[in-house]
Protein backbone atom coordinates (compact mmCIF):
# COMPACT_ATOMS: atom_id res chain seq x y z
CA UNK A 1 0.00 0.00 0.00
CA UNK A 2 1.36 3.45 -0.92
CA UNK A 3 0.52 6.64 0.88
CA UNK A 4 1.49 10.29 0.74
CA UNK A 5 3.51 11.66 3.64
CA UNK A 6 5.34 14.87 4.50
CA UNK A 7 7.55 15.52 7.53
CA UNK A 8 7.90 19.04 8.94
CA UNK A 9 10.71 19.67 11.44
CA UNK A 10 9.95 22.72 13.60
CA UNK A 11 13.03 24.46 14.96
CA UNK A 12 12.50 25.80 18.49
CA UNK A 13 9.31 26.72 20.29
CA UNK A 14 8.75 30.28 19.05
CA UNK A 15 5.03 31.00 18.86
CA UNK A 16 5.49 32.61 15.41
CA UNK A 17 7.29 29.58 14.01
CA UNK A 18 4.74 27.37 15.73
CA UNK A 19 1.95 29.31 14.00
CA UNK A 20 3.80 28.95 10.69
CA UNK A 21 3.83 25.17 11.10
CA UNK A 22 0.15 25.17 12.07
CA UNK A 23 -0.70 27.10 8.91
CA UNK A 24 1.35 24.75 6.74
CA UNK A 25 -0.44 21.75 8.22
CA UNK A 26 -3.87 23.38 7.90
CA UNK A 27 -3.55 24.33 4.25
CA UNK A 28 -1.73 21.19 3.15
CA UNK A 29 -4.55 19.11 4.66
CA UNK A 30 -7.11 21.30 2.88
CA UNK A 31 -5.35 20.61 -0.38
CA UNK A 32 -4.87 16.90 0.24
CA UNK A 33 -7.05 15.48 3.06
CA UNK A 34 -5.40 12.05 2.71
CA UNK A 35 -1.91 13.48 3.21
CA UNK A 36 -0.13 12.22 6.34
CA UNK A 37 1.75 15.08 8.02
CA UNK A 38 4.27 14.40 10.77
CA UNK A 39 5.54 17.35 12.83
CA UNK A 40 8.87 16.87 14.59
CA UNK A 41 10.21 19.39 17.07
CA UNK A 42 13.86 20.12 17.73
CA UNK A 43 16.05 22.97 18.94
CA UNK A 44 18.38 22.95 15.98
CA UNK A 45 18.96 21.47 12.53
CA UNK A 46 20.17 17.88 13.01
CA UNK A 47 21.95 15.58 10.59
CA UNK A 48 20.10 12.50 11.87
CA UNK A 49 16.69 13.89 10.78
CA UNK A 50 16.17 12.56 7.28
CA UNK A 51 13.65 13.48 4.57
CA UNK A 52 12.21 16.50 6.45
CA UNK A 53 11.39 20.12 5.67
CA UNK A 54 13.02 22.34 8.28
CA UNK A 55 10.80 25.23 9.44
CA UNK A 56 12.30 28.11 11.41
CA UNK A 57 15.58 29.86 12.18
CA UNK A 58 18.95 28.24 12.70
CA UNK A 59 22.60 29.26 12.37
CA UNK A 60 23.03 26.52 9.76
CA UNK A 61 20.33 28.13 7.61
CA UNK A 62 21.43 31.77 7.93
CA UNK A 63 23.76 31.57 4.95
CA UNK A 64 20.85 30.44 2.77
CA UNK A 65 18.89 33.67 3.36
CA UNK A 66 19.47 36.86 1.34
CA UNK A 67 21.39 39.51 3.26
CA UNK A 68 19.43 42.42 4.72
CA UNK A 69 20.43 45.54 6.60
CA UNK A 70 18.71 44.62 9.89
CA UNK A 71 17.52 41.03 10.31
CA UNK A 72 14.86 41.91 12.90
CA UNK A 73 13.34 44.69 10.82
CA UNK A 74 13.91 43.60 7.22
CA UNK A 75 12.26 40.57 5.64
CA UNK A 76 14.01 38.02 3.45
CA UNK A 77 12.86 34.49 2.73
CA UNK A 78 14.48 31.29 1.54
CA UNK A 79 12.61 28.15 0.51
CA UNK A 80 14.42 25.15 -0.91
CA UNK A 81 12.44 21.92 -1.09
CA UNK A 82 13.40 19.07 -3.39
CA UNK A 83 11.36 15.86 -3.45
CA UNK A 84 9.76 16.77 -0.14
CA UNK A 85 13.01 17.58 1.71
CA UNK A 86 14.63 20.94 2.45
CA UNK A 87 13.93 24.12 4.42
CA UNK A 88 11.58 27.08 4.83
CA UNK A 89 13.37 29.92 6.61
CA UNK A 90 13.89 33.67 6.70
CA UNK A 91 15.72 36.62 8.21
CA UNK A 92 13.48 36.64 11.29
CA UNK A 93 10.52 34.75 12.76
CA UNK A 94 7.96 36.80 10.83
CA UNK A 95 9.85 36.04 7.63
CA UNK A 96 9.43 32.32 8.34
CA UNK A 97 5.66 32.84 8.22
CA UNK A 98 5.96 34.87 5.01
CA UNK A 99 8.08 32.10 3.53
CA UNK A 100 5.52 29.49 4.57
CA UNK A 101 2.74 31.28 2.70
CA UNK A 102 4.97 31.71 -0.34
CA UNK A 103 5.66 27.96 -0.25
CA UNK A 104 1.91 27.29 -0.18
CA UNK A 105 1.35 29.74 -3.02
CA UNK A 106 3.94 27.88 -5.09
CA UNK A 107 1.80 24.77 -4.53
CA UNK A 108 -1.25 26.55 -5.94
CA UNK A 109 -2.87 28.28 -2.93
CA UNK A 110 -4.00 31.88 -3.24
CA UNK A 111 -5.83 34.48 -1.17
CA UNK A 112 -7.71 37.05 -3.25
CA UNK A 113 -9.11 39.05 -0.33
CA UNK A 114 -9.25 38.81 3.48
CA UNK A 115 -11.43 36.16 5.09
CA UNK A 116 -12.14 32.54 4.24
CA UNK A 117 -14.26 33.71 1.29
CA UNK A 118 -11.06 34.90 -0.37
CA UNK A 119 -9.24 31.58 -0.12
CA UNK A 120 -8.47 29.69 -3.31
CA UNK A 121 -7.16 26.30 -2.19
CA UNK A 122 -6.82 23.66 -4.91
CA UNK A 123 -7.60 19.98 -4.33
CA UNK A 124 -4.51 18.04 -5.36
CA UNK A 125 -2.14 15.28 -4.28
CA UNK A 126 0.85 16.61 -2.37
CA UNK A 127 3.88 14.57 -3.39
CA UNK A 128 7.35 15.06 -4.86
CA UNK A 129 7.34 18.73 -3.80
CA UNK A 130 9.91 20.95 -5.52
CA UNK A 131 9.91 24.65 -4.60
CA UNK A 132 12.78 27.16 -4.71
CA UNK A 133 12.40 30.82 -3.56
CA UNK A 134 15.17 33.25 -2.57
CA UNK A 135 13.99 36.84 -2.10
CA UNK A 136 14.34 39.95 0.04
CA UNK A 137 11.61 42.57 0.30
CA UNK A 138 12.24 45.80 -1.58
CA UNK A 139 11.03 47.85 1.39
CA UNK A 140 11.17 47.51 5.17
CA UNK A 141 7.76 49.02 5.98
CA UNK A 142 4.77 47.26 4.41
CA UNK A 143 1.69 47.78 6.52
CA UNK A 144 -1.91 48.81 7.01
CA UNK A 145 -3.37 51.36 9.42
CA UNK A 146 -6.85 50.91 10.87
CA UNK A 147 -9.51 53.27 9.50
CA UNK A 148 -13.16 53.08 8.49
CA UNK A 149 -16.04 51.28 10.21
CA UNK A 150 -15.13 47.83 11.49
CA UNK A 151 -16.20 44.77 13.36
CA UNK A 152 -13.68 42.77 15.35
CA UNK A 153 -13.76 40.17 12.56
CA UNK A 154 -12.96 42.77 9.87
CA UNK A 155 -9.76 43.78 11.66
CA UNK A 156 -8.82 40.18 12.43
CA UNK A 157 -9.30 39.24 8.78
CA UNK A 158 -6.95 42.04 7.74
CA UNK A 159 -4.31 41.07 10.30
CA UNK A 160 -4.54 37.45 9.16
CA UNK A 161 -4.28 38.52 5.52
CA UNK A 162 -1.18 40.69 5.73
CA UNK A 163 1.52 37.99 5.80
CA UNK A 164 -0.33 36.03 3.12
CA UNK A 165 0.39 38.85 0.67
CA UNK A 166 3.85 39.67 2.00
CA UNK A 167 2.93 42.60 4.27
CA UNK A 168 4.54 42.87 7.71
CA UNK A 169 3.02 45.64 9.86
CA UNK A 170 -0.26 46.74 11.43
CA UNK A 171 -1.00 50.13 12.98
CA UNK A 172 -3.74 50.54 15.60
CA UNK A 173 -4.41 54.27 15.97
CA UNK A 174 -5.23 55.89 19.33
CA UNK A 175 -4.75 54.43 22.79
CA UNK A 176 -8.22 52.93 22.39
CA UNK A 177 -9.42 52.98 18.75
CA UNK A 178 -13.09 53.37 19.71
CA UNK A 179 -14.07 55.47 16.71
CA UNK A 180 -13.37 52.72 14.16
CA UNK A 181 -15.53 50.21 16.00
CA UNK A 182 -18.24 52.71 16.97
CA UNK A 183 -18.75 53.63 13.33
CA UNK A 184 -19.81 50.05 12.65
CA UNK A 185 -21.61 49.04 15.83
CA UNK A 186 -23.62 52.28 16.11
CA UNK A 187 -24.73 52.16 12.43
CA UNK A 188 -25.40 55.89 12.36
CA UNK A 189 -25.76 55.97 8.57
CA UNK A 190 -27.83 52.80 8.21
CA UNK A 191 -31.41 52.85 9.56
CA UNK A 192 -31.93 49.18 8.63
CA UNK A 193 -29.40 47.84 11.16
CA UNK A 194 -29.98 48.09 14.89
CA UNK A 195 -27.44 49.98 16.97
CA UNK A 196 -25.17 47.99 19.28
CA UNK A 197 -23.61 49.72 22.26
CA UNK A 198 -19.97 48.80 22.76
CA UNK A 199 -18.37 50.03 25.98
CA UNK A 200 -14.78 51.22 26.15
CA UNK A 201 -13.93 48.10 28.17
CA UNK A 202 -15.39 45.85 25.45
CA UNK A 203 -13.39 47.65 22.77
CA UNK A 204 -10.23 47.37 24.88
CA UNK A 205 -10.88 43.63 25.21
CA UNK A 206 -11.21 43.33 21.42
CA UNK A 207 -7.96 45.24 20.94
CA UNK A 208 -6.22 42.97 23.46
CA UNK A 209 -7.34 39.92 21.50
CA UNK A 210 -6.28 41.50 18.19
CA UNK A 211 -2.87 42.33 19.65
CA UNK A 212 -2.46 38.66 20.48
CA UNK A 213 -3.19 37.77 16.85
CA UNK A 214 -0.63 40.35 15.71
CA UNK A 215 1.95 38.88 18.08
CA UNK A 216 1.49 35.24 17.07
CA UNK A 217 2.20 36.24 13.47
CA UNK A 218 5.29 38.29 14.38
CA UNK A 219 3.77 41.35 12.70
CA UNK A 220 5.42 44.67 13.53
CA UNK A 221 2.94 46.46 15.79
CA UNK A 222 2.50 50.24 15.47
CA UNK A 223 0.36 52.07 18.03
CA UNK A 224 -1.29 55.40 19.05
CA UNK A 225 -0.38 58.50 16.99
CA UNK A 226 -3.31 60.79 17.70
CA UNK A 227 -4.14 61.71 21.29
CA UNK A 228 -0.84 62.74 22.85
CA UNK A 229 -1.92 66.39 22.85
CA UNK A 230 -4.95 65.64 25.04
CA UNK A 231 -4.87 62.25 26.81
CA UNK A 232 -1.91 63.15 29.12
CA UNK A 233 -4.05 66.02 30.43
CA UNK A 234 -7.04 63.83 31.22
CA UNK A 235 -8.97 64.79 28.08
CA UNK A 236 -10.14 61.79 26.06
CA UNK A 237 -9.08 61.76 22.42
CA UNK A 238 -10.56 58.71 20.72
CA UNK A 239 -12.45 60.31 17.82
CA UNK A 240 -12.76 63.44 15.70
CA UNK A 241 -16.14 64.41 17.18
CA UNK A 242 -16.41 67.78 18.89
CA UNK A 243 -17.10 67.88 22.61
CA UNK A 244 -20.17 69.99 23.25
CA UNK A 245 -19.99 70.13 27.03
CA UNK A 246 -16.58 70.15 28.62
CA UNK A 247 -14.78 71.67 31.56
CA UNK A 248 -11.17 71.66 32.61
CA UNK A 249 -9.04 73.56 35.10
CA UNK A 250 -7.36 76.85 34.41
CA UNK A 251 -4.04 75.03 34.75
CA UNK A 252 -5.02 72.69 31.90
CA UNK A 253 -6.34 75.58 29.82
CA UNK A 254 -2.97 77.32 30.04
CA UNK A 255 -1.39 74.22 28.50
CA UNK A 256 -3.42 74.62 25.29
CA UNK A 257 -2.18 76.58 22.30
CA UNK A 258 -3.01 80.26 22.28
CA UNK A 259 -4.61 81.12 18.93
CA UNK A 260 -6.07 84.56 18.26
CA UNK A 261 -5.59 85.41 21.93
CA UNK A 262 -7.59 82.42 23.17
CA UNK A 263 -6.65 79.07 24.72
CA UNK A 264 -9.32 76.44 24.14
CA UNK A 265 -10.06 73.18 22.36
CA UNK A 266 -9.77 73.68 18.61
CA UNK A 267 -13.40 73.66 17.45
CA UNK A 268 -14.13 71.50 20.48
CA UNK A 269 -12.04 68.56 19.21
CA UNK A 270 -9.32 67.48 21.69
CA UNK A 271 -7.08 65.54 19.31
CA UNK A 272 -7.16 68.46 16.85
CA UNK A 273 -5.89 70.82 19.55
CA UNK A 274 -2.23 71.82 19.76
CA UNK A 275 -0.43 72.74 22.95
CA UNK A 276 1.87 75.45 24.23
CA UNK A 277 5.07 73.62 23.33
CA UNK A 278 7.42 76.30 24.68
CA UNK A 279 6.05 75.55 28.17
CA UNK A 280 8.41 72.99 29.81
CA UNK A 281 5.60 71.70 32.06
CA UNK A 282 3.54 70.86 28.97
CA UNK A 283 6.45 69.03 27.38
CA UNK A 284 7.14 67.14 30.60
CA UNK A 285 3.53 66.04 30.92
CA UNK A 286 3.46 64.73 27.36
CA UNK A 287 6.86 63.02 27.35
CA UNK A 288 6.28 61.49 30.81
CA UNK A 289 2.98 60.04 29.59
CA UNK A 290 4.57 58.53 26.48
CA UNK A 291 7.47 57.06 28.46
CA UNK A 292 5.08 55.49 30.96
CA UNK A 293 2.93 54.13 28.16
CA UNK A 294 5.94 52.46 26.56
CA UNK A 295 6.94 50.92 29.91
CA UNK A 296 3.47 49.43 30.29
CA UNK A 297 3.10 48.35 26.66
CA UNK A 298 6.34 46.68 25.69
CA UNK A 299 4.51 44.61 23.07
CA UNK A 300 4.30 47.79 20.98
CA UNK A 301 7.18 47.76 18.50
CA UNK A 302 6.72 51.26 17.06
CA UNK A 303 5.11 54.13 18.99
CA UNK A 304 3.71 57.04 16.98
CA UNK A 305 4.01 60.47 18.59
CA UNK A 306 2.03 62.99 16.57
CA UNK A 307 0.94 66.54 17.29
CA UNK A 308 -2.61 67.78 16.68
CA UNK A 309 -4.58 66.54 13.67
CA UNK A 310 -5.37 70.03 12.35
CA UNK A 311 -3.67 72.88 10.56
CA UNK A 312 -2.98 76.54 11.34
CA UNK A 313 -3.65 76.27 15.05
CA UNK A 314 -0.17 76.39 16.62
CA UNK A 315 0.46 78.47 19.71
CA UNK A 316 1.05 82.19 19.19
CA UNK A 317 2.37 83.01 22.66
CA UNK A 318 5.65 84.93 23.03
CA UNK A 319 7.59 81.73 23.73
CA UNK A 320 6.22 79.54 20.94
CA UNK A 321 6.62 82.09 18.16
CA UNK A 322 10.39 82.06 18.66
CA UNK A 323 10.63 78.84 16.66
CA UNK A 324 8.70 76.94 14.00
CA UNK A 325 6.38 74.13 15.16
CA UNK A 326 8.84 71.65 13.63
CA UNK A 327 11.61 72.96 15.91
CA UNK A 328 9.44 72.61 19.00
CA UNK A 329 8.55 69.12 17.80
CA UNK A 330 12.26 68.22 17.70
CA UNK A 331 12.65 69.57 21.24
CA UNK A 332 9.82 67.28 22.38
CA UNK A 333 11.29 64.29 20.56
CA UNK A 334 14.76 64.82 22.08
CA UNK A 335 13.33 65.15 25.58
CA UNK A 336 11.28 61.99 25.03
CA UNK A 337 14.33 60.09 23.82
CA UNK A 338 16.30 61.09 26.92
CA UNK A 339 13.56 59.78 29.21
CA UNK A 340 13.11 56.55 27.27
CA UNK A 341 16.87 55.95 27.23
CA UNK A 342 17.12 56.46 31.00
CA UNK A 343 14.27 53.99 31.45
CA UNK A 344 15.93 51.41 29.20
CA UNK A 345 13.11 51.53 26.64
CA UNK A 346 14.13 50.59 23.10
CA UNK A 347 10.78 51.22 21.38
CA UNK A 348 11.09 53.02 18.05
CA UNK A 349 9.27 56.36 17.78
CA UNK A 350 7.58 57.68 14.63
CA UNK A 351 7.42 61.43 14.09
CA UNK A 352 5.09 62.92 11.52
CA UNK A 353 5.62 65.52 8.81
CA UNK A 354 2.14 66.69 7.94
CA UNK A 355 0.18 69.92 7.53
CA UNK A 356 2.17 72.73 9.27
CA UNK A 357 4.95 70.25 10.04
CA UNK A 358 5.74 69.94 6.34
CA UNK A 359 7.87 73.04 6.92
CA UNK A 360 11.15 71.64 8.26
CA UNK A 361 12.97 72.67 11.46
CA UNK A 362 15.50 75.46 11.18
CA UNK A 363 17.28 75.45 14.55
CA UNK A 364 16.95 71.98 16.08
CA UNK A 365 18.11 68.47 15.15
CA UNK A 366 17.45 65.03 16.62
CA UNK A 367 20.17 63.97 19.05
CA UNK A 368 19.59 60.22 18.60
CA UNK A 369 18.34 59.60 15.04
CA UNK A 370 18.45 55.81 15.54
CA UNK A 371 15.47 56.06 17.90
CA UNK A 372 13.22 57.67 15.30
CA UNK A 373 11.38 56.95 12.07
CA UNK A 374 10.21 59.76 9.81
CA UNK A 375 6.66 59.46 8.49
CA UNK A 376 5.67 61.48 5.42
CA UNK A 377 1.90 62.02 5.22
CA UNK A 378 0.88 64.05 2.12
CA UNK A 379 -2.84 63.90 2.91
CA UNK A 380 -3.82 66.75 0.56
CA UNK A 381 -2.03 65.31 -2.48
CA UNK A 382 -3.56 64.57 -5.86
CA UNK A 383 -4.02 60.82 -6.42
CA UNK A 384 -4.14 61.26 -10.17
CA UNK A 385 -0.38 61.85 -9.98
CA UNK A 386 2.57 59.56 -9.25
CA UNK A 387 5.65 60.31 -7.20
CA UNK A 388 8.11 59.47 -9.93
CA UNK A 389 6.64 62.06 -12.31
CA UNK A 390 6.93 64.94 -9.84
CA UNK A 391 10.37 64.59 -8.28
CA UNK A 392 11.61 67.91 -9.70
CA UNK A 393 10.38 71.16 -8.20
CA UNK A 394 11.55 74.36 -9.88
CA UNK A 395 9.56 76.90 -7.88
CA UNK A 396 10.15 78.62 -4.57
CA UNK A 397 8.44 76.97 -1.63
CA UNK A 398 5.80 79.13 0.04
CA UNK A 399 7.38 80.76 3.09
CA UNK A 400 6.45 79.52 6.55
CA UNK A 401 3.89 81.92 8.04
CA UNK A 402 2.49 80.76 11.37
CA UNK A 403 -1.16 79.74 11.13
CA UNK A 404 -1.55 81.05 7.57
CA UNK A 405 -0.42 78.04 5.56
CA UNK A 406 -2.02 76.20 2.65
CA UNK A 407 -1.28 72.48 2.48
CA UNK A 408 0.02 71.58 -0.99
CA UNK A 409 -2.05 69.46 -3.37
CA UNK A 410 0.75 69.02 -5.90
CA UNK A 411 3.10 66.10 -5.39
CA UNK A 412 6.03 68.22 -6.55
CA UNK A 413 5.68 70.63 -3.63
CA UNK A 414 5.02 67.80 -1.16
CA UNK A 415 8.17 66.06 -2.30
CA UNK A 416 10.27 69.22 -2.11
CA UNK A 417 9.17 69.65 1.50
CA UNK A 418 10.05 66.02 2.19
CA UNK A 419 13.53 66.66 0.74
CA UNK A 420 13.97 69.63 3.08
CA UNK A 421 13.24 67.35 6.04
CA UNK A 422 15.56 64.67 4.66
CA UNK A 423 18.29 67.27 4.72
CA UNK A 424 17.88 67.38 8.51
CA UNK A 425 17.32 63.65 9.14
CA UNK A 426 18.92 60.69 7.36
CA UNK A 427 17.32 57.90 9.39
CA UNK A 428 14.59 55.36 8.69
CA UNK A 429 11.41 56.59 7.03
CA UNK A 430 8.20 55.60 5.29
CA UNK A 431 5.22 56.99 3.43
CA UNK A 432 1.86 57.23 5.21
CA UNK A 433 -0.58 57.51 2.35
CA UNK A 434 -4.33 57.43 1.74
CA UNK A 435 -4.88 55.74 -1.63
CA UNK A 436 -7.58 53.47 -0.17
CA UNK A 437 -9.15 55.93 2.24
CA UNK A 438 -11.21 58.16 -0.07
CA UNK A 439 -9.64 58.46 -3.52
CA UNK A 440 -10.38 54.89 -4.60
CA UNK A 441 -14.13 55.53 -4.37
CA UNK A 442 -13.83 57.92 -7.31
CA UNK A 443 -12.37 55.11 -9.41
CA UNK A 444 -15.37 52.81 -9.55
CA UNK A 445 -13.54 50.14 -11.56
CA UNK A 446 -10.48 50.26 -9.21
CA UNK A 447 -8.16 49.81 -12.21
CA UNK A 448 -6.79 53.36 -12.29
CA UNK A 449 -6.37 53.27 -8.52
CA UNK A 450 -4.51 49.93 -8.60
CA UNK A 451 -2.07 51.17 -11.22
CA UNK A 452 -1.52 54.42 -9.33
CA UNK A 453 -0.73 52.59 -6.09
CA UNK A 454 1.60 50.16 -7.83
CA UNK A 455 3.58 52.97 -9.46
CA UNK A 456 3.78 54.99 -6.24
CA UNK A 457 5.16 51.96 -4.40
CA UNK A 458 7.80 51.48 -7.09
CA UNK A 459 8.74 55.16 -6.78
CA UNK A 460 9.24 55.16 -2.99
CA UNK A 461 12.92 54.23 -3.25
CA UNK A 462 13.49 57.10 -5.67
CA UNK A 463 12.14 59.63 -3.17
CA UNK A 464 14.17 58.21 -0.28
CA UNK A 465 11.42 56.34 1.61
CA UNK A 466 11.66 52.76 2.84
CA UNK A 467 8.06 51.58 2.38
CA UNK A 468 4.54 52.56 3.30
CA UNK A 469 1.91 52.19 5.99
CA UNK A 470 -1.40 52.57 4.16
CA UNK A 471 -3.97 54.63 6.08
CA UNK A 472 -7.12 53.04 4.71
CA UNK A 473 -10.49 51.50 5.29
CA UNK A 474 -10.27 47.79 6.00
CA UNK A 475 -13.08 46.79 3.62
CA UNK A 476 -12.07 48.14 0.21
CA UNK A 477 -12.88 45.25 -2.13
CA UNK A 478 -15.93 46.55 -4.01
CA UNK A 479 -15.52 45.49 -6.76
CA UNK A 480 -12.08 43.86 -6.20
CA UNK A 481 -9.07 43.69 -3.89
CA UNK A 482 -6.76 44.45 -6.82
CA UNK A 483 -5.49 47.81 -5.42
CA UNK A 484 -4.42 46.18 -2.16
CA UNK A 485 -2.79 43.32 -4.04
CA UNK A 486 -0.81 45.65 -6.28
CA UNK A 487 0.30 47.66 -3.26
CA UNK A 488 1.60 44.52 -1.57
CA UNK A 489 3.20 43.21 -4.76
CA UNK A 490 5.28 46.35 -5.40
CA UNK A 491 6.24 46.79 -1.74
CA UNK A 492 7.65 43.27 -1.76
CA UNK A 493 9.22 43.48 -5.21
CA UNK A 494 9.29 46.90 -6.83
CA UNK A 495 10.52 45.32 -10.08
CA UNK A 496 7.67 42.83 -10.51
CA UNK A 497 5.59 42.91 -13.69
CA UNK A 498 2.32 44.78 -13.29
CA UNK A 499 0.32 43.09 -16.04
CA UNK A 500 1.44 39.64 -14.98
CA UNK A 501 0.30 40.28 -11.39
CA UNK A 502 -3.02 41.75 -12.51
CA UNK A 503 -3.92 38.84 -14.77
CA UNK A 504 -2.93 36.32 -12.09
CA UNK A 505 -5.18 38.13 -9.59
CA UNK A 506 -8.23 38.11 -11.86
CA UNK A 507 -7.76 34.46 -12.73
CA UNK A 508 -7.64 33.51 -9.04
CA UNK A 509 -10.51 35.77 -8.06
CA UNK A 510 -12.94 35.00 -10.90
CA UNK A 511 -11.82 31.82 -12.60
CA UNK A 512 -11.87 31.30 -16.36
CA UNK A 513 -13.77 34.56 -17.02
CA UNK A 514 -11.33 36.60 -14.94
CA UNK A 515 -9.76 38.29 -17.94
CA UNK A 516 -13.21 39.48 -19.04
CA UNK A 517 -13.74 41.03 -15.60
CA UNK A 518 -10.40 42.80 -16.00
CA UNK A 519 -11.40 44.29 -19.36
CA UNK A 520 -14.85 45.31 -18.04
CA UNK A 521 -13.49 47.10 -14.96
CA UNK A 522 -10.69 48.64 -17.00
CA UNK A 523 -13.31 50.17 -19.30
CA UNK A 524 -15.19 51.62 -16.32
CA UNK A 525 -12.03 53.21 -14.94
CA UNK A 526 -11.07 54.55 -18.36
CA UNK A 527 -14.43 56.18 -19.11
CA UNK A 528 -15.11 57.76 -15.72
CA UNK A 529 -13.40 61.03 -14.75
CA UNK A 530 -13.73 61.05 -10.97
CA UNK A 531 -10.35 59.86 -9.67
CA UNK A 532 -8.18 62.86 -10.55
CA UNK A 533 -7.72 65.55 -7.91
CA UNK A 534 -7.28 65.87 -4.13
CA UNK A 535 -9.46 63.51 -2.13
CA UNK A 536 -9.14 65.29 1.21
CA UNK A 537 -10.11 68.79 2.21
CA UNK A 538 -12.43 70.71 -0.10
CA UNK A 539 -14.26 68.40 -2.47
CA UNK A 540 -13.92 68.78 -6.21
CA UNK A 541 -16.15 71.76 -7.08
CA UNK A 542 -16.45 70.89 -10.74
CA UNK A 543 -19.89 70.36 -12.27
CA UNK A 544 -18.44 67.79 -14.65
CA UNK A 545 -17.88 66.20 -16.98
CA UNK A 546 -17.70 63.03 -14.90
CA UNK A 547 -17.66 60.58 -17.80
CA UNK A 548 -16.15 60.54 -21.28
CA UNK A 549 -19.11 58.74 -22.84
CA UNK A 550 -22.16 57.73 -20.79
CA UNK A 551 -23.81 55.76 -23.59
CA UNK A 552 -20.67 53.70 -24.26
CA UNK A 553 -20.25 52.91 -20.58
CA UNK A 554 -23.90 51.95 -20.19
CA UNK A 555 -23.54 49.63 -23.19
CA UNK A 556 -20.52 47.97 -21.57
CA UNK A 557 -22.46 47.46 -18.34
CA UNK A 558 -25.46 45.97 -20.14
CA UNK A 559 -23.34 43.63 -22.21
CA UNK A 560 -21.30 42.36 -19.26
CA UNK A 561 -24.44 41.72 -17.18
CA UNK A 562 -24.89 38.46 -19.09
CA UNK A 563 -21.44 37.22 -18.03
CA UNK A 564 -22.17 38.13 -14.42
CA UNK A 565 -25.47 36.24 -14.43
CA UNK A 566 -23.92 33.19 -16.09
CA UNK A 567 -21.32 32.90 -13.34
CA UNK A 568 -23.81 33.55 -10.55
CA UNK A 569 -25.91 30.65 -11.81
CA UNK A 570 -22.90 28.31 -12.12
CA UNK A 571 -21.53 26.50 -9.08
CA UNK A 572 -17.93 27.69 -8.68
CA UNK A 573 -15.50 28.81 -5.98
CA UNK A 574 -15.74 32.43 -7.23
CA UNK A 575 -19.54 32.63 -7.04
CA UNK A 576 -19.56 35.17 -4.22
CA UNK A 577 -17.24 37.48 -6.15
CA UNK A 578 -19.68 37.41 -9.07
CA UNK A 579 -22.61 38.18 -6.76
CA UNK A 580 -20.67 41.18 -5.47
CA UNK A 581 -20.10 42.28 -9.07
CA UNK A 582 -23.86 42.19 -9.67
CA UNK A 583 -24.52 44.54 -6.76
CA UNK A 584 -21.63 46.69 -7.96
CA UNK A 585 -23.34 46.87 -11.39
CA UNK A 586 -26.55 48.16 -9.80
CA UNK A 587 -24.58 50.63 -7.70
CA UNK A 588 -22.77 51.91 -10.78
CA UNK A 589 -25.98 52.34 -12.80
CA UNK A 590 -27.56 54.47 -10.07
CA UNK A 591 -24.37 56.53 -9.74
CA UNK A 592 -24.25 57.20 -13.46
CA UNK A 593 -27.82 58.52 -13.32
CA UNK A 594 -26.83 60.78 -10.43
CA UNK A 595 -23.73 62.06 -12.20
CA UNK A 596 -25.66 62.90 -15.37
CA UNK A 597 -28.21 64.84 -13.34
CA UNK A 598 -25.39 66.55 -11.45
CA UNK A 599 -23.83 67.73 -14.71
CA UNK A 600 -27.19 69.12 -15.79
CA UNK A 601 -27.46 71.09 -12.55
CA UNK A 602 -30.66 69.32 -11.47
CA UNK A 603 -30.22 69.57 -7.72
CA UNK A 604 -33.30 67.82 -6.44
CA UNK A 605 -33.14 64.97 -8.93
CA UNK A 606 -29.44 64.46 -8.18
CA UNK A 607 -30.10 64.23 -4.46
CA UNK A 608 -32.99 61.84 -5.02
CA UNK A 609 -30.76 59.55 -7.05
CA UNK A 610 -27.96 59.71 -4.47
CA UNK A 611 -30.55 58.79 -1.85
CA UNK A 612 -31.26 55.70 -3.95
CA UNK A 613 -27.55 54.87 -4.01
CA UNK A 614 -27.42 55.20 -0.22
CA UNK A 615 -30.53 53.05 0.17
CA UNK A 616 -29.06 50.36 -2.09
CA UNK A 617 -25.90 50.26 0.03
CA UNK A 618 -27.79 50.21 3.32
CA UNK A 619 -30.27 47.52 2.32
CA UNK A 620 -27.49 45.25 1.08
CA UNK A 621 -24.83 46.12 3.63
CA UNK A 622 -24.92 42.83 5.54
CA UNK A 623 -24.55 40.74 2.38
CA UNK A 624 -21.44 42.65 1.27
CA UNK A 625 -20.18 43.62 4.73
CA UNK A 626 -16.75 42.05 4.20
CA UNK A 627 -16.04 43.90 0.96
CA UNK A 628 -17.79 47.29 1.22
CA UNK A 629 -17.50 49.94 3.94
CA UNK A 630 -20.95 51.47 3.59
CA UNK A 631 -20.33 54.22 6.14
CA UNK A 632 -17.25 55.41 4.28
CA UNK A 633 -18.87 55.13 0.84
CA UNK A 634 -22.01 57.04 1.83
CA UNK A 635 -19.91 59.75 3.45
CA UNK A 636 -17.80 60.10 0.32
CA UNK A 637 -20.71 60.56 -2.11
CA UNK A 638 -22.61 62.87 0.20
CA UNK A 639 -19.52 65.05 0.38
CA UNK A 640 -18.56 64.75 -3.28
CA UNK A 641 -21.97 65.74 -4.64
CA UNK A 642 -22.93 68.23 -1.96
CA UNK A 643 -21.25 71.10 -3.79
CA UNK A 644 -23.25 74.03 -5.08
CA UNK A 645 -24.97 73.41 -8.38
CA UNK A 646 -26.18 75.83 -11.02
CA UNK A 647 -29.74 76.83 -10.29
CA UNK A 648 -32.42 74.90 -12.16
Foldseek 3Di string as FASTA:
>chain_A
DDAAEAEEEEADDQLQQVVLVVVLVVQVCVQEVRYHYHYHYYNEDDPVDPLHEYQEDHPVCVVQADDDDDLLQWWWWWDFAFFRYYYTYISHSLNSSLSSLVLQVVVPWAAFAFDPLRTDRHHDDDGRDGDTDHATFQFRAFAAEADFADDLVLLLRLLVCQSNLPHAAYEYEAPQQVVNHQCHQQVPLFPVDHHDDDDSVNSVVSVVVSLVSSVSSSGQYEYYAFDLQPVLQVHDANDQDADPDDDDDPVNQQQWAQDPNGRDCDNRHRRQTFTQLLDVVSLCSSLVVVLVVCVVCVSHQEYEYEGHPHALHGHPDPRVVVWQPQQSVLVSVQVSVVSNVVVVGQHAYEYEQDHSNLAHGDPDAHPCLARYEYEQELQQEWLLDALVVQCDDDDDQDDRDRSPDDRDHYSNNSLVSVVVNCVRHVHAYAYEYELAAFLCLQLLLSPSSLVSLLRNLLCQVVSPHRYYHYHHHSFAQQLGCSSVSSNSVCSRPVPDDDVVSQQVSQCSQPNPCSVVSVVLSVVSRVFFDRNTGTRDDAADQDLDDGGNDLVVNVVSLVVCVVVLVVLCPDDDSNNLSSVSVVLSSVLVVLVSQLSVCSSVQPVVVNVVSLVVSLVSCSVCCVSSVRRDSSSSSNVNVCRNSVHHGPDD
